């Protein structure tokens, strides 16, 4: 059972005032339509909200428009007679059985390529120069802790802890191919999405490259559950989950993101210091919070050659307050100090890396498409691409939906 959505034009091609026509159908398979409905809600950067409902065996048609550059969102859900959203089981990436709503998260835009950011701090570069000095004052060579965990797929896996400025060290897992020769391997750093996840050793190895997978928190590795329960409680602030406390975020040097960013830079320094690195190929990858860190990596370290952020978190945090752009409920409260960490401003410092934004959901308001559009526009590198997916929110990607690729440069990814 799934929903199918279409628009009368390519989703990102509308002009101001032009009619947008969405159509939605339910593919019910053997499921009877009796007592089921398609319920839709229209929101947008114009502040207008509309909703409606049709029987599930009919086509839902939504007609709307937007009079200025920006985005429109139309979410559609399969619901029962009581309005409860129908759930169905699916297998996640780890093959675990989970449930999710039968839904479709559509979007359209008027001239999204013309959207602009809200203005960066005048001392943006001076602030980051200061942070790099803080980092340089904490030596790490000859002080790294390495513990071999196992060998798998012709690669040795090590638990690693690297001294760092800020409250905690860099911790994660290093993958070194067996018998790797000096200066022989490309390197990759990877980052995690948001959450209080216990960082476990990977069950696989990468025999052809040097990789470092770090967590966002600097948690100790290989501890018992009691340690992690206490640790994750310790990184909360004023009763809020990490990074969400506006009081902590009021100063860019006390913001939770400060330690995260310092660990990103230090992890890259360490990876580049490894004798196996070939000195030229350095890739950063991650989704959501990991996409945020990937943008930091490419902006703050010019040696990063490829950056692959997906559904990048925290783009254009000021946009909701300053330009009334639509955003979802799960979003950090904006305070000016967060501008130092915003990917739309980091993007202007990415000059050397090829940037491939692997997914931007047109219905993703955890990471609103307006912010992704501005982030892409601001990337200074000539080689960049972004892959827009119709019907996709933060975690859901529909099948056979419109995909739009913007790209520039000879090495950009094509559709």
Protein backbone atom coordinates (compact mmCIF):
# COMPACT_ATOMS: atom_id res chain seq x y z
CA UNK A 1 0.00 0.00 0.00
CA UNK A 2 1.47 3.34 -1.00
CA UNK A 3 0.58 6.80 -2.28
CA UNK A 4 1.57 8.31 -5.62
CA UNK A 5 1.88 12.04 -6.21
CA UNK A 6 2.40 14.20 -9.29
CA UNK A 7 2.43 17.88 -10.20
CA UNK A 8 1.34 19.54 -13.42
CA UNK A 9 4.89 20.82 -14.00
CA UNK A 10 8.35 19.92 -12.80
CA UNK A 11 8.30 20.71 -9.09
CA UNK A 12 10.93 23.47 -9.06
CA UNK A 13 9.88 25.27 -12.24
CA UNK A 14 6.96 27.49 -11.16
CA UNK A 15 6.72 31.25 -11.58
CA UNK A 16 5.15 33.69 -9.08
CA UNK A 17 1.36 33.40 -9.16
CA UNK A 18 1.37 30.37 -11.47
CA UNK A 19 -1.13 27.64 -10.59
CA UNK A 20 0.34 24.54 -8.99
CA UNK A 21 -1.77 21.40 -9.40
CA UNK A 22 -0.99 18.37 -7.27
CA UNK A 23 -2.71 15.00 -7.81
CA UNK A 24 -2.52 12.09 -5.40
CA UNK A 25 -3.73 8.50 -5.65
CA UNK A 26 -3.67 5.54 -3.30
CA UNK A 27 -2.32 2.25 -4.62
CA UNK A 28 -4.13 -0.12 -2.28
CA UNK A 29 -3.31 -3.53 -3.77
CA UNK A 30 -5.62 -6.04 -2.07
CA UNK A 31 -6.66 -3.54 0.59
CA UNK A 32 -10.28 -2.38 0.27
CA UNK A 33 -10.89 1.36 0.08
CA UNK A 34 -13.99 1.23 2.27
CA UNK A 35 -13.63 3.56 5.22
CA UNK A 36 -10.27 4.94 4.04
CA UNK A 37 -9.50 8.49 2.95
CA UNK A 38 -6.72 10.65 1.57
CA UNK A 39 -6.22 13.60 3.92
CA UNK A 40 -3.98 16.42 2.72
CA UNK A 41 -2.53 19.56 4.30
CA UNK A 42 -1.05 22.44 2.31
CA UNK A 43 1.47 24.80 3.92
CA UNK A 44 4.01 27.17 2.44
CA UNK A 45 6.48 29.99 2.81
CA UNK A 46 3.54 32.39 2.37
CA UNK A 47 2.03 31.27 5.69
CA UNK A 48 -1.14 29.96 4.03
CA UNK A 49 -2.58 26.66 5.30
CA UNK A 50 -5.33 24.59 3.65
CA UNK A 51 -6.56 21.03 4.10
CA UNK A 52 -9.00 18.55 2.63
CA UNK A 53 -10.05 14.92 2.40
CA UNK A 54 -11.39 12.57 -0.30
CA UNK A 55 -12.30 8.85 -0.28
CA UNK A 56 -9.24 6.68 -0.88
CA UNK A 57 -10.59 5.32 -4.18
CA UNK A 58 -10.67 8.85 -5.61
CA UNK A 59 -7.93 11.17 -6.80
CA UNK A 60 -7.08 14.03 -4.46
CA UNK A 61 -6.48 17.24 -6.40
CA UNK A 62 -4.87 20.24 -4.70
CA UNK A 63 -4.69 23.55 -6.55
CA UNK A 64 -2.63 26.36 -5.11
CA UNK A 65 -0.05 29.03 -5.93
CA UNK A 66 2.77 31.06 -4.42
CA UNK A 67 3.23 34.73 -5.24
CA UNK A 68 6.91 35.00 -4.32
CA UNK A 69 10.06 32.85 -4.44
CA UNK A 70 9.82 30.01 -1.97
CA UNK A 71 8.39 26.56 -1.33
CA UNK A 72 4.98 24.95 -0.91
CA UNK A 73 4.45 21.70 1.02
CA UNK A 74 1.52 19.30 0.58
CA UNK A 75 1.54 16.29 2.92
CA UNK A 76 -0.94 13.49 2.19
CA UNK A 77 -1.88 10.64 4.54
CA UNK A 78 -4.02 7.53 4.22
CA UNK A 79 -6.44 7.68 7.17
CA UNK A 80 -9.36 5.66 8.52
CA UNK A 81 -12.87 6.87 9.39
CA UNK A 82 -11.65 8.19 12.73
CA UNK A 83 -8.85 10.16 11.07
CA UNK A 84 -6.13 7.84 12.33
CA UNK A 85 -3.19 7.50 9.97
CA UNK A 86 -2.79 3.99 8.53
CA UNK A 87 0.52 2.36 9.47
CA UNK A 88 2.35 -0.42 7.68
CA UNK A 89 5.44 -2.49 8.35
CA UNK A 90 8.72 -2.16 6.45
CA UNK A 91 12.33 -3.30 6.75
CA UNK A 92 14.87 -0.63 7.64
CA UNK A 93 18.50 -0.55 6.51
CA UNK A 94 19.44 -3.08 9.19
CA UNK A 95 16.57 -5.40 8.15
CA UNK A 96 14.65 -4.68 11.35
CA UNK A 97 10.85 -4.59 11.03
CA UNK A 98 9.41 -1.17 11.77
CA UNK A 99 6.19 0.74 11.13
CA UNK A 100 5.58 3.99 9.31
CA UNK A 101 2.66 6.06 8.07
CA UNK A 102 1.26 5.51 4.60
CA UNK A 103 2.01 9.00 3.34
CA UNK A 104 3.52 11.18 0.64
CA UNK A 105 5.36 14.44 1.26
CA UNK A 106 5.15 16.59 -1.86
CA UNK A 107 6.61 19.98 -2.59
CA UNK A 108 6.88 22.63 -5.26
CA UNK A 109 8.76 25.89 -5.51
CA UNK A 110 8.76 29.28 -7.16
CA UNK A 111 12.21 30.37 -8.36
CA UNK A 112 14.08 28.56 -5.55
CA UNK A 113 17.41 29.40 -7.14
CA UNK A 114 16.86 33.07 -6.22
CA UNK A 115 16.49 32.52 -2.45
CA UNK A 116 19.13 34.16 -0.28
CA UNK A 117 20.45 33.73 3.25
CA UNK A 118 19.77 36.12 6.13
CA UNK A 119 23.30 37.51 6.44
CA UNK A 120 26.33 36.11 8.23
CA UNK A 121 28.25 37.48 11.24
CA UNK A 122 30.85 40.08 10.27
CA UNK A 123 33.52 38.21 12.26
CA UNK A 124 32.67 34.73 10.89
CA UNK A 125 36.18 34.03 9.60
CA UNK A 126 37.86 35.59 12.64
CA UNK A 127 35.79 33.35 14.91
CA UNK A 128 36.92 30.21 13.10
CA UNK A 129 40.54 31.38 13.04
CA UNK A 130 40.30 31.63 16.84
CA UNK A 131 38.85 28.12 17.11
CA UNK A 132 41.69 26.71 15.02
CA UNK A 133 44.18 28.38 17.38
CA UNK A 134 42.41 26.74 20.33
CA UNK A 135 42.72 23.41 18.57
CA UNK A 136 46.39 23.91 17.72
CA UNK A 137 47.12 24.55 21.39
CA UNK A 138 46.14 20.94 22.18
CA UNK A 139 48.74 18.58 20.66
CA UNK A 140 47.61 15.14 19.59
CA UNK A 141 50.57 13.45 17.90
CA UNK A 142 52.00 10.65 20.06
CA UNK A 143 48.96 10.99 22.35
CA UNK A 144 46.38 9.08 20.32
CA UNK A 145 44.98 5.91 21.90
CA UNK A 146 44.54 3.01 19.46
CA UNK A 147 43.06 -0.35 20.37
CA UNK A 148 42.70 -3.08 17.76
CA UNK A 149 39.21 -4.58 17.85
CA UNK A 150 39.24 -7.11 15.01
CA UNK A 151 40.21 -7.84 11.43
CA UNK A 152 37.39 -8.15 8.89
CA UNK A 153 37.31 -7.99 5.07
CA UNK A 154 41.10 -7.68 4.99
CA UNK A 155 41.00 -4.56 7.15
CA UNK A 156 42.02 -3.94 10.75
CA UNK A 157 39.46 -2.09 12.88
CA UNK A 158 40.73 0.07 15.75
CA UNK A 159 38.95 1.97 18.49
CA UNK A 160 40.55 5.41 18.52
CA UNK A 161 40.60 8.34 20.94
CA UNK A 162 42.26 11.59 19.85
CA UNK A 163 42.98 14.53 22.19
CA UNK A 164 41.02 17.64 21.24
CA UNK A 165 40.18 21.12 22.42
CA UNK A 166 36.76 21.43 23.97
CA UNK A 167 35.13 19.18 26.55
CA UNK A 168 35.90 15.75 25.07
CA UNK A 169 38.25 13.92 22.68
CA UNK A 170 37.46 12.61 19.22
CA UNK A 171 36.34 8.99 19.46
CA UNK A 172 35.45 6.53 16.76
CA UNK A 173 36.59 3.58 14.70
CA UNK A 174 39.53 3.57 12.30
CA UNK A 175 39.66 1.17 9.35
CA UNK A 176 43.16 0.34 8.04
CA UNK A 177 43.52 -2.21 5.23
CA UNK A 178 45.89 -5.05 6.11
CA UNK A 179 49.46 -4.52 4.83
CA UNK A 180 48.64 -1.04 3.49
CA UNK A 181 51.70 0.70 2.11
CA UNK A 182 52.66 4.29 2.97
CA UNK A 183 50.88 6.96 0.89
CA UNK A 184 48.83 4.34 -0.94
CA UNK A 185 45.22 4.92 0.11
CA UNK A 186 42.41 7.42 -0.32
CA UNK A 187 40.83 8.46 2.97
CA UNK A 188 37.26 8.99 4.11
CA UNK A 189 35.71 10.43 7.24
CA UNK A 190 32.07 9.73 8.10
CA UNK A 191 29.66 11.33 10.54
CA UNK A 192 26.43 10.29 12.26
CA UNK A 193 22.85 11.55 12.35
CA UNK A 194 21.35 13.10 15.49
CA UNK A 195 20.75 10.94 18.53
CA UNK A 196 22.04 9.31 21.67
CA UNK A 197 23.51 6.33 19.88
CA UNK A 198 26.04 4.01 21.46
CA UNK A 199 28.90 3.88 18.97
CA UNK A 200 29.66 0.22 18.30
CA UNK A 201 32.47 -1.22 16.21
CA UNK A 202 31.45 -1.80 12.58
CA UNK A 203 30.78 -5.34 11.44
CA UNK A 204 32.54 -4.82 8.12
CA UNK A 205 35.80 -3.50 6.77
CA UNK A 206 36.84 -1.45 3.74
CA UNK A 207 39.92 -3.06 2.20
CA UNK A 208 40.52 -0.35 -0.41
CA UNK A 209 40.62 2.80 1.68
CA UNK A 210 41.51 4.35 5.00
CA UNK A 211 38.36 5.35 6.89
CA UNK A 212 37.52 7.04 10.16
CA UNK A 213 33.96 6.94 11.53
CA UNK A 214 33.46 9.31 14.47
CA UNK A 215 30.54 9.98 16.78
CA UNK A 216 29.28 13.49 17.48
CA UNK A 217 29.83 13.43 21.24
CA UNK A 218 33.28 12.13 22.08
CA UNK A 219 31.80 9.28 24.12
CA UNK A 220 34.15 6.61 25.43
CA UNK A 221 34.01 3.38 23.47
CA UNK A 222 33.36 -0.13 24.67
CA UNK A 223 31.71 0.82 27.96
CA UNK A 224 28.70 -0.77 29.65
CA UNK A 225 25.12 0.42 29.38
CA UNK A 226 25.28 2.22 32.73
CA UNK A 227 28.10 4.43 31.45
CA UNK A 228 26.16 5.42 28.31
CA UNK A 229 22.98 6.14 30.23
CA UNK A 230 24.90 8.50 32.49
CA UNK A 231 26.88 10.00 29.60
CA UNK A 232 23.88 10.85 27.44
CA UNK A 233 22.15 12.40 30.41
CA UNK A 234 25.27 14.51 31.08
CA UNK A 235 25.21 16.16 27.64
CA UNK A 236 21.68 17.48 28.10
CA UNK A 237 21.42 21.14 29.03
CA UNK A 238 18.71 22.90 31.03
CA UNK A 239 16.41 19.92 30.52
CA UNK A 240 16.84 19.94 26.74
CA UNK A 241 18.38 17.39 24.44
CA UNK A 242 21.92 18.19 23.32
CA UNK A 243 22.32 21.20 21.01
CA UNK A 244 18.73 22.41 21.65
CA UNK A 245 19.32 24.70 24.64
CA UNK A 246 19.03 28.37 23.56
CA UNK A 247 20.88 29.53 26.69
CA UNK A 248 23.83 27.27 25.95
CA UNK A 249 23.69 28.33 22.29
CA UNK A 250 23.70 32.05 23.10
CA UNK A 251 27.50 32.06 23.06
CA UNK A 252 29.10 30.36 20.03
CA UNK A 253 31.91 29.02 22.24
CA UNK A 254 29.56 27.39 24.75
CA UNK A 255 27.18 26.00 22.12
CA UNK A 256 27.23 22.21 21.91
CA UNK A 257 28.16 22.54 18.24
CA UNK A 258 31.49 24.11 19.22
CA UNK A 259 32.90 20.87 20.60
CA UNK A 260 31.44 18.94 17.67
CA UNK A 261 33.14 21.22 15.15
CA UNK A 262 36.47 21.08 16.97
CA UNK A 263 36.28 17.29 16.88
CA UNK A 264 35.55 17.36 13.15
CA UNK A 265 38.68 19.42 12.48
CA UNK A 266 40.85 17.33 14.81
CA UNK A 267 39.61 14.06 13.27
CA UNK A 268 40.58 15.33 9.84
CA UNK A 269 44.01 16.33 11.13
CA UNK A 270 44.52 12.86 12.51
CA UNK A 271 43.32 11.11 9.36
CA UNK A 272 45.72 13.20 7.26
CA UNK A 273 48.57 12.31 9.61
CA UNK A 274 48.19 8.62 8.94
CA UNK A 275 51.11 7.26 6.88
CA UNK A 276 48.74 5.27 4.65
CA UNK A 277 46.95 8.35 3.28
CA UNK A 278 47.92 9.16 -0.31
CA UNK A 279 47.96 12.89 0.42
CA UNK A 280 45.40 13.83 -2.20
CA UNK A 281 42.02 12.04 -1.88
CA UNK A 282 39.97 12.97 1.19
CA UNK A 283 36.19 12.44 1.30
CA UNK A 284 33.69 13.51 3.96
CA UNK A 285 30.24 11.88 4.14
CA UNK A 286 27.17 12.03 6.37
CA UNK A 287 23.43 12.59 6.49
CA UNK A 288 21.28 14.99 8.55
CA UNK A 289 23.49 15.95 11.52
CA UNK A 290 26.21 14.07 9.65
CA UNK A 291 25.50 16.28 6.64
CA UNK A 292 25.95 19.34 8.85
CA UNK A 293 29.33 18.01 9.97
CA UNK A 294 30.26 17.17 6.38
CA UNK A 295 29.68 20.79 5.39
CA UNK A 296 31.83 21.93 8.32
CA UNK A 297 34.58 19.54 7.24
CA UNK A 298 34.69 20.84 3.68
CA UNK A 299 34.52 24.49 4.79
CA UNK A 300 37.06 24.33 7.61
CA UNK A 301 39.63 22.00 6.01
CA UNK A 302 40.66 22.86 2.42
CA UNK A 303 42.24 19.41 2.03
CA UNK A 304 38.79 17.80 1.76
CA UNK A 305 38.41 16.94 -1.93
CA UNK A 306 34.90 15.43 -1.97
CA UNK A 307 31.98 16.22 0.35
CA UNK A 308 28.77 14.19 0.29
CA UNK A 309 26.23 15.71 2.68
CA UNK A 310 22.64 14.47 2.57
CA UNK A 311 19.44 16.00 3.98
CA UNK A 312 21.71 18.55 5.66
CA UNK A 313 20.53 19.67 9.09
CA UNK A 314 20.44 23.29 10.38
CA UNK A 315 20.59 25.12 7.03
CA UNK A 316 19.24 28.68 7.24
CA UNK A 317 18.25 28.49 10.90
CA UNK A 318 17.45 32.21 10.87
CA UNK A 319 15.09 31.88 7.92
CA UNK A 320 11.97 31.00 9.90
CA UNK A 321 12.32 34.01 12.21
CA UNK A 322 13.73 36.58 9.81
CA UNK A 323 12.00 35.64 6.54
CA UNK A 324 9.03 33.56 7.75
CA UNK A 325 10.11 30.46 5.85
CA UNK A 326 8.27 27.25 6.66
CA UNK A 327 9.98 24.76 8.98
CA UNK A 328 8.92 21.72 10.97
CA UNK A 329 8.58 21.23 14.69
CA UNK A 330 11.88 19.42 15.25
CA UNK A 331 14.21 22.36 14.76
CA UNK A 332 16.71 24.16 16.99
CA UNK A 333 15.47 27.51 18.26
CA UNK A 334 17.37 30.21 16.42
CA UNK A 335 19.77 32.46 18.30
CA UNK A 336 22.35 34.61 16.46
CA UNK A 337 25.34 32.66 17.78
CA UNK A 338 24.20 29.63 15.74
CA UNK A 339 25.01 31.55 12.54
CA UNK A 340 28.66 30.53 13.01
CA UNK A 341 27.64 26.90 12.45
CA UNK A 342 25.02 27.32 9.73
CA UNK A 343 25.83 25.41 6.52
CA UNK A 344 24.55 28.26 4.33
CA UNK A 345 27.50 30.34 5.55
CA UNK A 346 29.94 27.43 5.69
CA UNK A 347 29.09 26.82 2.02
CA UNK A 348 30.75 30.08 1.00
CA UNK A 349 34.06 28.73 2.35
CA UNK A 350 33.90 25.47 0.39
CA UNK A 351 36.17 26.25 -2.52
CA UNK A 352 38.23 23.12 -3.16
CA UNK A 353 35.89 20.17 -2.65
CA UNK A 354 33.47 18.65 -5.11
CA UNK A 355 30.16 18.77 -3.25
CA UNK A 356 27.42 16.23 -3.90
CA UNK A 357 24.28 16.88 -1.85
CA UNK A 358 23.00 13.34 -2.09
CA UNK A 359 19.36 14.01 -1.16
CA UNK A 360 17.12 16.97 -0.49
CA UNK A 361 13.50 16.03 0.23
CA UNK A 362 10.88 18.36 -1.21
CA UNK A 363 8.69 17.46 1.77
CA UNK A 364 11.44 17.47 4.41
CA UNK A 365 10.78 20.19 6.98
CA UNK A 366 13.21 18.81 9.53
CA UNK A 367 15.72 20.12 6.99
CA UNK A 368 13.59 22.54 4.94
CA UNK A 369 14.20 22.63 1.18
CA UNK A 370 14.61 26.40 1.26
CA UNK A 371 17.73 25.97 3.42
CA UNK A 372 19.11 23.26 1.15
CA UNK A 373 18.55 25.48 -1.91
CA UNK A 374 20.41 28.38 -0.28
CA UNK A 375 23.21 26.09 0.91
CA UNK A 376 23.67 24.76 -2.62
CA UNK A 377 23.59 28.26 -4.12
CA UNK A 378 26.24 29.51 -1.67
CA UNK A 379 28.77 26.71 -2.27
CA UNK A 380 31.83 28.43 -3.72
CA UNK A 381 33.22 25.32 -5.41
CA UNK A 382 32.57 25.18 -9.17
CA UNK A 383 31.81 21.44 -8.94
CA UNK A 384 28.60 20.85 -7.06
CA UNK A 385 25.28 19.04 -7.34
CA UNK A 386 22.06 18.55 -5.40
CA UNK A 387 19.54 15.75 -5.85
CA UNK A 388 15.95 16.80 -5.12
CA UNK A 389 13.46 14.00 -4.43
CA UNK A 390 9.72 14.56 -4.76
CA UNK A 391 7.53 13.00 -2.07
CA UNK A 392 10.44 12.58 0.35
CA UNK A 393 10.53 13.84 3.91
CA UNK A 394 13.48 13.40 6.26
CA UNK A 395 13.37 9.62 6.51
CA UNK A 396 11.08 8.46 3.70
CA UNK A 397 11.98 8.12 0.02
CA UNK A 398 9.13 7.04 -2.30
CA UNK A 399 9.59 4.84 -5.33
CA UNK A 400 9.21 6.16 -8.88
CA UNK A 401 8.90 9.79 -7.88
CA UNK A 402 10.31 12.84 -9.68
CA UNK A 403 14.01 13.42 -9.13
CA UNK A 404 15.53 16.78 -10.07
CA UNK A 405 19.29 17.31 -10.21
CA UNK A 406 20.95 20.69 -10.22
CA UNK A 407 24.64 20.52 -11.07
CA UNK A 408 27.56 22.63 -12.19
CA UNK A 409 31.15 21.82 -13.10
CA UNK A 410 32.70 19.06 -15.14
CA UNK A 411 32.72 16.59 -12.26
CA UNK A 412 29.20 17.17 -10.97
CA UNK A 413 26.88 14.23 -10.51
CA UNK A 414 24.27 13.81 -13.22
CA UNK A 415 20.77 12.38 -12.94
